[in-house]
Amino acid sequence: MANSVRHVLFYDSGDLSLAAQHFAAHQARYQEFMRSGTLLTLGPFSDRAGSMAIFTTREAAEEFASADPFVLNGVVSSWQIREWNAATLLYLHFQGHMQECSA
Protein backbone atom coordinates (compact mmCIF):
# COMPACT_ATOMS: atom_id res chain seq x y z
CA MET A 1 0.00 0.00 0.00
CA ALA A 2 1.58 3.27 -1.08
CA ASN A 3 1.98 6.06 1.47
CA SER A 4 -0.25 4.69 4.22
CA VAL A 5 1.20 7.07 6.82
CA ARG A 6 -1.27 9.69 7.94
CA HIS A 7 -0.99 12.38 10.59
CA VAL A 8 -3.58 12.54 13.33
CA LEU A 9 -4.18 15.85 15.07
CA PHE A 10 -5.53 15.46 18.59
CA TYR A 11 -7.19 18.39 20.35
CA ASP A 12 -7.85 18.64 24.09
CA SER A 13 -10.95 20.67 24.89
CA GLY A 14 -10.56 24.10 26.42
CA ASP A 15 -13.47 26.49 27.06
CA LEU A 16 -16.31 24.86 25.11
CA SER A 17 -18.63 27.75 25.93
CA LEU A 18 -16.69 29.66 23.23
CA ALA A 19 -17.23 27.04 20.52
CA ALA A 20 -20.46 28.42 19.06
CA GLN A 21 -18.96 31.90 18.74
CA HIS A 22 -15.98 30.62 16.73
CA PHE A 23 -17.54 27.67 14.91
CA ALA A 24 -18.18 29.40 11.56
CA ALA A 25 -14.52 30.43 11.22
CA HIS A 26 -13.35 26.97 12.37
CA GLN A 27 -15.69 25.34 9.83
CA ALA A 28 -14.47 27.58 7.00
CA ARG A 29 -10.89 26.60 7.85
CA TYR A 30 -11.51 22.85 7.91
CA GLN A 31 -13.55 23.01 4.69
CA GLU A 32 -10.61 24.73 2.98
CA PHE A 33 -8.28 21.89 4.00
CA MET A 34 -10.85 19.27 2.95
CA ARG A 35 -11.21 20.89 -0.48
CA SER A 36 -7.43 20.80 -0.92
CA GLY A 37 -7.45 17.08 -0.08
CA THR A 38 -5.08 17.36 2.89
CA LEU A 39 -7.76 16.88 5.58
CA LEU A 40 -9.48 13.51 5.27
CA THR A 41 -11.86 13.56 8.23
CA LEU A 42 -12.39 15.16 11.63
CA GLY A 43 -14.76 15.24 14.56
CA PRO A 44 -15.18 15.45 18.32
CA PHE A 45 -15.05 12.58 20.78
CA SER A 46 -18.41 11.68 22.29
CA ASP A 47 -17.24 12.59 25.81
CA ARG A 48 -16.50 16.17 24.64
CA ALA A 49 -12.96 15.92 26.05
CA GLY A 50 -11.42 16.62 22.66
CA SER A 51 -11.42 15.81 18.98
CA MET A 52 -9.22 14.44 16.22
CA ALA A 53 -8.54 15.03 12.55
CA ILE A 54 -6.64 12.96 10.00
CA PHE A 55 -4.34 14.73 7.55
CA THR A 56 -2.26 13.51 4.62
CA THR A 57 0.87 15.36 5.81
CA ARG A 58 2.30 16.57 9.09
CA GLU A 59 2.81 20.00 7.55
CA ALA A 60 -0.91 20.31 6.76
CA ALA A 61 -1.84 19.27 10.31
CA GLU A 62 0.57 21.83 11.79
CA GLU A 63 -0.64 24.57 9.43
CA PHE A 64 -4.26 23.83 10.29
CA ALA A 65 -3.79 23.80 14.07
CA SER A 66 -1.51 26.82 14.20
CA ALA A 67 -4.21 29.14 12.85
CA ASP A 68 -7.43 27.30 13.75
CA PRO A 69 -9.86 29.76 15.40
CA PHE A 70 -10.66 27.11 18.02
CA VAL A 71 -6.98 27.02 19.03
CA LEU A 72 -6.48 30.78 18.84
CA ASN A 73 -9.56 31.52 20.95
CA GLY A 74 -9.27 28.93 23.72
CA VAL A 75 -11.84 26.36 22.58
CA VAL A 76 -8.86 24.01 22.36
CA SER A 77 -6.46 23.94 25.30
CA SER A 78 -3.65 21.90 23.68
CA TRP A 79 -2.92 19.83 20.62
CA GLN A 80 -0.51 17.20 19.35
CA ILE A 81 0.17 15.37 16.11
CA ARG A 82 0.95 11.66 15.88
CA GLU A 83 1.83 9.51 12.87
CA TRP A 84 -0.65 6.74 12.09
CA ASN A 85 -0.17 3.78 9.75
CA ALA A 86 -3.53 3.27 8.08
CA ALA A 87 -4.02 -0.36 7.16
CA THR A 88 -7.74 -1.11 6.96
CA LEU A 89 -9.91 -1.97 4.01
CA LEU A 90 -12.07 1.04 4.78
CA TYR A 91 -8.99 3.20 4.43
CA LEU A 92 -8.10 1.54 1.12
CA HIS A 93 -11.63 2.13 -0.16
CA PHE A 94 -11.55 5.76 0.93
CA GLN A 95 -8.11 6.31 -0.59
CA GLY A 96 -9.32 4.90 -3.93
CA HIS A 97 -12.40 7.12 -3.83
CA MET A 98 -10.27 10.20 -3.19
CA GLN A 99 -8.03 9.32 -6.17
CA GLU A 100 -11.11 8.93 -8.39
CA CYS A 101 -12.44 12.32 -7.27
CA SER A 102 -9.17 14.08 -8.01
CA ALA A 103 -8.75 12.52 -11.48
C-alpha atoms as a PDB file:
ATOM      1  CA  MET A   1       0.000   0.000   0.000  1.00  0.00           C
ATOM      2  CA  ALA A   2       1.578   3.271  -1.080  1.00  0.00           C
ATOM      3  CA  ASN A   3       1.976   6.056   1.467  1.00  0.00           C
ATOM      4  CA  SER A   4      -0.248   4.688   4.215  1.00  0.00           C
ATOM      5  CA  VAL A   5       1.200   7.074   6.821  1.00  0.00           C
ATOM      6  CA  ARG A   6      -1.273   9.695   7.939  1.00  0.00           C
ATOM      7  CA  HIS A   7      -0.992  12.382  10.591  1.00  0.00           C
ATOM      8  CA  VAL A   8      -3.583  12.537  13.334  1.00  0.00           C
ATOM      9  CA  LEU A   9      -4.176  15.846  15.067  1.00  0.00           C
ATOM     10  CA  PHE A  10      -5.532  15.459  18.595  1.00  0.00           C
ATOM     11  CA  TYR A  11      -7.187  18.390  20.346  1.00  0.00           C
ATOM     12  CA  ASP A  12      -7.854  18.641  24.087  1.00  0.00           C
ATOM     13  CA  SER A  13     -10.946  20.671  24.889  1.00  0.00           C
ATOM     14  CA  GLY A  14     -10.565  24.096  26.423  1.00  0.00           C
ATOM     15  CA  ASP A  15     -13.469  26.489  27.062  1.00  0.00           C
ATOM     16  CA  LEU A  16     -16.305  24.856  25.109  1.00  0.00           C
ATOM     17  CA  SER A  17     -18.631  27.747  25.928  1.00  0.00           C
ATOM     18  CA  LEU A  18     -16.690  29.665  23.234  1.00  0.00           C
ATOM     19  CA  ALA A  19     -17.229  27.037  20.521  1.00  0.00           C
ATOM     20  CA  ALA A  20     -20.459  28.419  19.060  1.00  0.00           C
ATOM     21  CA  GLN A  21     -18.957  31.898  18.745  1.00  0.00           C
ATOM     22  CA  HIS A  22     -15.979  30.619  16.727  1.00  0.00           C
ATOM     23  CA  PHE A  23     -17.541  27.670  14.906  1.00  0.00           C
ATOM     24  CA  ALA A  24     -18.183  29.400  11.558  1.00  0.00           C
ATOM     25  CA  ALA A  25     -14.521  30.431  11.220  1.00  0.00           C
ATOM     26  CA  HIS A  26     -13.350  26.967  12.367  1.00  0.00           C
ATOM     27  CA  GLN A  27     -15.687  25.337   9.833  1.00  0.00           C
ATOM     28  CA  ALA A  28     -14.466  27.576   7.000  1.00  0.00           C
ATOM     29  CA  ARG A  29     -10.887  26.598   7.851  1.00  0.00           C
ATOM     30  CA  TYR A  30     -11.511  22.849   7.910  1.00  0.00           C
ATOM     31  CA  GLN A  31     -13.547  23.005   4.693  1.00  0.00           C
ATOM     32  CA  GLU A  32     -10.613  24.732   2.977  1.00  0.00           C
ATOM     33  CA  PHE A  33      -8.282  21.886   3.998  1.00  0.00           C
ATOM     34  CA  MET A  34     -10.848  19.275   2.946  1.00  0.00           C
ATOM     35  CA  ARG A  35     -11.209  20.890  -0.484  1.00  0.00           C
ATOM     36  CA  SER A  36      -7.428  20.803  -0.917  1.00  0.00           C
ATOM     37  CA  GLY A  37      -7.449  17.083  -0.084  1.00  0.00           C
ATOM     38  CA  THR A  38      -5.083  17.363   2.887  1.00  0.00           C
ATOM     39  CA  LEU A  39      -7.762  16.882   5.578  1.00  0.00           C
ATOM     40  CA  LEU A  40      -9.479  13.513   5.268  1.00  0.00           C
ATOM     41  CA  THR A  41     -11.858  13.560   8.231  1.00  0.00           C
ATOM     42  CA  LEU A  42     -12.393  15.157  11.630  1.00  0.00           C
ATOM     43  CA  GLY A  43     -14.756  15.236  14.559  1.00  0.00           C
ATOM     44  CA  PRO A  44     -15.184  15.454  18.322  1.00  0.00           C
ATOM     45  CA  PHE A  45     -15.046  12.578  20.775  1.00  0.00           C
ATOM     46  CA  SER A  46     -18.406  11.679  22.289  1.00  0.00           C
ATOM     47  CA  ASP A  47     -17.243  12.587  25.812  1.00  0.00           C
ATOM     48  CA  ARG A  48     -16.497  16.173  24.637  1.00  0.00           C
ATOM     49  CA  ALA A  49     -12.957  15.920  26.055  1.00  0.00           C
ATOM     50  CA  GLY A  50     -11.422  16.622  22.659  1.00  0.00           C
ATOM     51  CA  SER A  51     -11.416  15.809  18.980  1.00  0.00           C
ATOM     52  CA  MET A  52      -9.219  14.442  16.221  1.00  0.00           C
ATOM     53  CA  ALA A  53      -8.538  15.029  12.554  1.00  0.00           C
ATOM     54  CA  ILE A  54      -6.643  12.963  10.004  1.00  0.00           C
ATOM     55  CA  PHE A  55      -4.341  14.729   7.546  1.00  0.00           C
ATOM     56  CA  THR A  56      -2.265  13.511   4.625  1.00  0.00           C
ATOM     57  CA  THR A  57       0.870  15.357   5.813  1.00  0.00           C
ATOM     58  CA  ARG A  58       2.302  16.573   9.088  1.00  0.00           C
ATOM     59  CA  GLU A  59       2.808  20.002   7.546  1.00  0.00           C
ATOM     60  CA  ALA A  60      -0.908  20.311   6.758  1.00  0.00           C
ATOM     61  CA  ALA A  61      -1.843  19.273  10.309  1.00  0.00           C
ATOM     62  CA  GLU A  62       0.568  21.831  11.787  1.00  0.00           C
ATOM     63  CA  GLU A  63      -0.643  24.566   9.433  1.00  0.00           C
ATOM     64  CA  PHE A  64      -4.259  23.826  10.287  1.00  0.00           C
ATOM     65  CA  ALA A  65      -3.789  23.796  14.066  1.00  0.00           C
ATOM     66  CA  SER A  66      -1.509  26.819  14.205  1.00  0.00           C
ATOM     67  CA  ALA A  67      -4.215  29.136  12.853  1.00  0.00           C
ATOM     68  CA  ASP A  68      -7.430  27.303  13.745  1.00  0.00           C
ATOM     69  CA  PRO A  69      -9.860  29.760  15.396  1.00  0.00           C
ATOM     70  CA  PHE A  70     -10.659  27.106  18.021  1.00  0.00           C
ATOM     71  CA  VAL A  71      -6.978  27.019  19.028  1.00  0.00           C
ATOM     72  CA  LEU A  72      -6.475  30.780  18.837  1.00  0.00           C
ATOM     73  CA  ASN A  73      -9.563  31.523  20.953  1.00  0.00           C
ATOM     74  CA  GLY A  74      -9.266  28.934  23.725  1.00  0.00           C
ATOM     75  CA  VAL A  75     -11.844  26.361  22.582  1.00  0.00           C
ATOM     76  CA  VAL A  76      -8.864  24.008  22.358  1.00  0.00           C
ATOM     77  CA  SER A  77      -6.456  23.935  25.302  1.00  0.00           C
ATOM     78  CA  SER A  78      -3.654  21.904  23.682  1.00  0.00           C
ATOM     79  CA  TRP A  79      -2.921  19.834  20.616  1.00  0.00           C
ATOM     80  CA  GLN A  80      -0.511  17.198  19.350  1.00  0.00           C
ATOM     81  CA  ILE A  81       0.172  15.366  16.112  1.00  0.00           C
ATOM     82  CA  ARG A  82       0.949  11.657  15.879  1.00  0.00           C
ATOM     83  CA  GLU A  83       1.831   9.509  12.871  1.00  0.00           C
ATOM     84  CA  TRP A  84      -0.648   6.742  12.089  1.00  0.00           C
ATOM     85  CA  ASN A  85      -0.169   3.782   9.752  1.00  0.00           C
ATOM     86  CA  ALA A  86      -3.534   3.273   8.083  1.00  0.00           C
ATOM     87  CA  ALA A  87      -4.017  -0.358   7.160  1.00  0.00           C
ATOM     88  CA  THR A  88      -7.744  -1.111   6.957  1.00  0.00           C
ATOM     89  CA  LEU A  89      -9.908  -1.969   4.009  1.00  0.00           C
ATOM     90  CA  LEU A  90     -12.068   1.039   4.784  1.00  0.00           C
ATOM     91  CA  TYR A  91      -8.994   3.199   4.432  1.00  0.00           C
ATOM     92  CA  LEU A  92      -8.102   1.538   1.120  1.00  0.00           C
ATOM     93  CA  HIS A  93     -11.632   2.128  -0.161  1.00  0.00           C
ATOM     94  CA  PHE A  94     -11.552   5.764   0.930  1.00  0.00           C
ATOM     95  CA  GLN A  95      -8.111   6.311  -0.590  1.00  0.00           C
ATOM     96  CA  GLY A  96      -9.317   4.904  -3.926  1.00  0.00           C
ATOM     97  CA  HIS A  97     -12.397   7.115  -3.825  1.00  0.00           C
ATOM     98  CA  MET A  98     -10.267  10.201  -3.192  1.00  0.00           C
ATOM     99  CA  GLN A  99      -8.032   9.316  -6.166  1.00  0.00           C
ATOM    100  CA  GLU A 100     -11.109   8.926  -8.391  1.00  0.00           C
ATOM    101  CA  CYS A 101     -12.440  12.318  -7.272  1.00  0.00           C
ATOM    102  CA  SER A 102      -9.172  14.084  -8.009  1.00  0.00           C
ATOM    103  CA  ALA A 103      -8.753  12.515 -11.485  1.00  0.00           C
END
